Protein backbone atom coordinates (compact mmCIF):
# COMPACT_ATOMS: atom_id res chain seq x y z
CA MET A 1 -2.07 -16.44 4.33
CA ARG A 2 -0.32 -15.71 1.04
CA ILE A 3 -0.38 -12.47 -0.90
CA THR A 4 -0.61 -13.80 -4.44
CA ASP A 5 -0.60 -10.56 -6.44
CA VAL A 6 0.52 -6.97 -5.88
CA ARG A 7 -0.14 -4.10 -8.28
CA VAL A 8 1.32 -0.64 -7.79
CA ARG A 9 0.35 2.56 -9.59
CA LYS A 10 2.80 5.41 -9.07
CA VAL A 11 1.40 8.87 -8.37
CA GLU A 12 3.12 11.76 -10.12
CA GLY A 13 3.76 15.05 -8.38
CA GLU A 14 5.45 16.48 -5.35
CA THR A 15 3.26 15.02 -2.62
CA ARG A 16 3.86 12.60 0.20
CA LEU A 17 1.61 10.10 -1.60
CA LYS A 18 3.97 8.08 -3.82
CA ALA A 19 1.76 5.28 -5.11
CA VAL A 20 -1.49 3.37 -4.70
CA ALA A 21 -1.46 -0.42 -4.43
CA SER A 22 -3.87 -3.32 -4.71
CA ILE A 23 -3.25 -6.79 -3.36
CA THR A 24 -4.84 -10.18 -3.87
CA ILE A 25 -4.83 -12.66 -1.01
CA GLU A 26 -4.84 -16.41 -1.74
CA GLU A 27 -6.05 -15.65 -5.28
CA SER A 28 -9.47 -15.10 -3.67
CA PHE A 29 -9.76 -11.71 -1.98
CA ALA A 30 -8.68 -8.27 -3.25
CA VAL A 31 -7.92 -5.13 -1.27
CA HIS A 32 -7.60 -1.85 -3.19
CA GLU A 33 -6.46 1.67 -2.33
CA LEU A 34 -3.51 0.85 -0.08
CA ARG A 35 -1.42 4.02 -0.15
CA ILE A 36 2.37 4.22 -0.17
CA ILE A 37 3.30 7.39 1.69
CA GLU A 38 6.61 9.14 2.34
CA GLY A 39 6.65 9.69 6.09
CA ASN A 40 9.18 11.38 8.34
CA GLU A 41 10.96 8.05 8.85
CA GLY A 42 10.65 6.69 5.29
CA LEU A 43 8.01 4.94 3.25
CA PHE A 44 5.04 3.23 4.85
CA VAL A 45 1.78 1.64 3.70
CA ALA A 46 -1.50 3.22 4.81
CA MET A 47 -4.60 1.07 4.83
CA PRO A 48 -7.74 1.95 2.85
CA SER A 49 -9.83 4.39 4.85
CA ARG A 50 -13.02 6.40 4.79
CA LYS A 51 -13.77 9.84 6.21
CA THR A 52 -16.27 9.74 9.10
CA THR A 53 -19.01 12.25 9.75
CA GLU A 54 -16.77 13.74 12.45
CA GLY A 55 -14.13 14.49 9.82
CA THR A 56 -11.59 11.89 10.92
CA PHE A 57 -10.42 8.93 8.85
CA ARG A 58 -11.06 5.31 9.83
CA ASP A 59 -9.46 2.23 8.24
CA ILE A 60 -12.00 0.08 6.42
CA ALA A 61 -9.61 -2.86 5.99
CA HIS A 62 -6.53 -3.57 8.07
CA PRO A 63 -4.35 -6.38 9.42
CA ILE A 64 -5.29 -7.68 12.86
CA ASN A 65 -1.72 -8.28 14.05
CA SER A 66 1.71 -6.75 13.58
CA GLU A 67 3.10 -9.80 11.76
CA MET A 68 0.53 -9.46 8.99
CA ARG A 69 1.05 -5.69 8.80
CA THR A 70 4.80 -6.26 8.42
CA GLN A 71 4.27 -8.89 5.72
CA LEU A 72 1.90 -6.60 3.79
CA GLU A 73 4.25 -3.65 4.03
CA GLN A 74 7.30 -5.66 2.94
CA VAL A 75 5.59 -7.15 -0.10
CA ILE A 76 4.00 -3.87 -1.21
CA LEU A 77 7.14 -1.77 -0.73
CA ALA A 78 9.25 -4.39 -2.54
CA LYS A 79 6.89 -4.18 -5.53
CA TYR A 80 7.04 -0.36 -5.39
CA GLU A 81 10.86 -0.44 -5.43
CA GLU A 82 10.74 -2.90 -8.35
CA GLU A 83 8.46 -0.51 -10.27
CA LEU A 84 10.83 2.39 -9.58
CA GLN A 85 13.78 0.32 -10.80
CA ASN A 86 11.92 -0.67 -13.98
CA ALA A 87 11.11 2.98 -14.68
CA ILE A 88 14.80 3.92 -14.36
CA GLU A 89 15.85 1.14 -16.75
CA GLU A 90 13.34 2.17 -19.44
């Protein structure tokens, strides 16, 4: 499965949320609201989620295996770093 497009929108402010991303898979399926978060061990990508009636959050879209999660995270974080670099150069 190929990720054919990645779009990243940086979030301004002093929060752990650094950006929100959208991806397109195989030029056929889009996933929005992937969040790039600064965690205790660096940046990571959180899947789109919804708050349940119990007050917890549950992913509404997510990879089924660790290989796909790694691929998603690498592509999204690379695009985020590219956006940061472009902002510095401007």
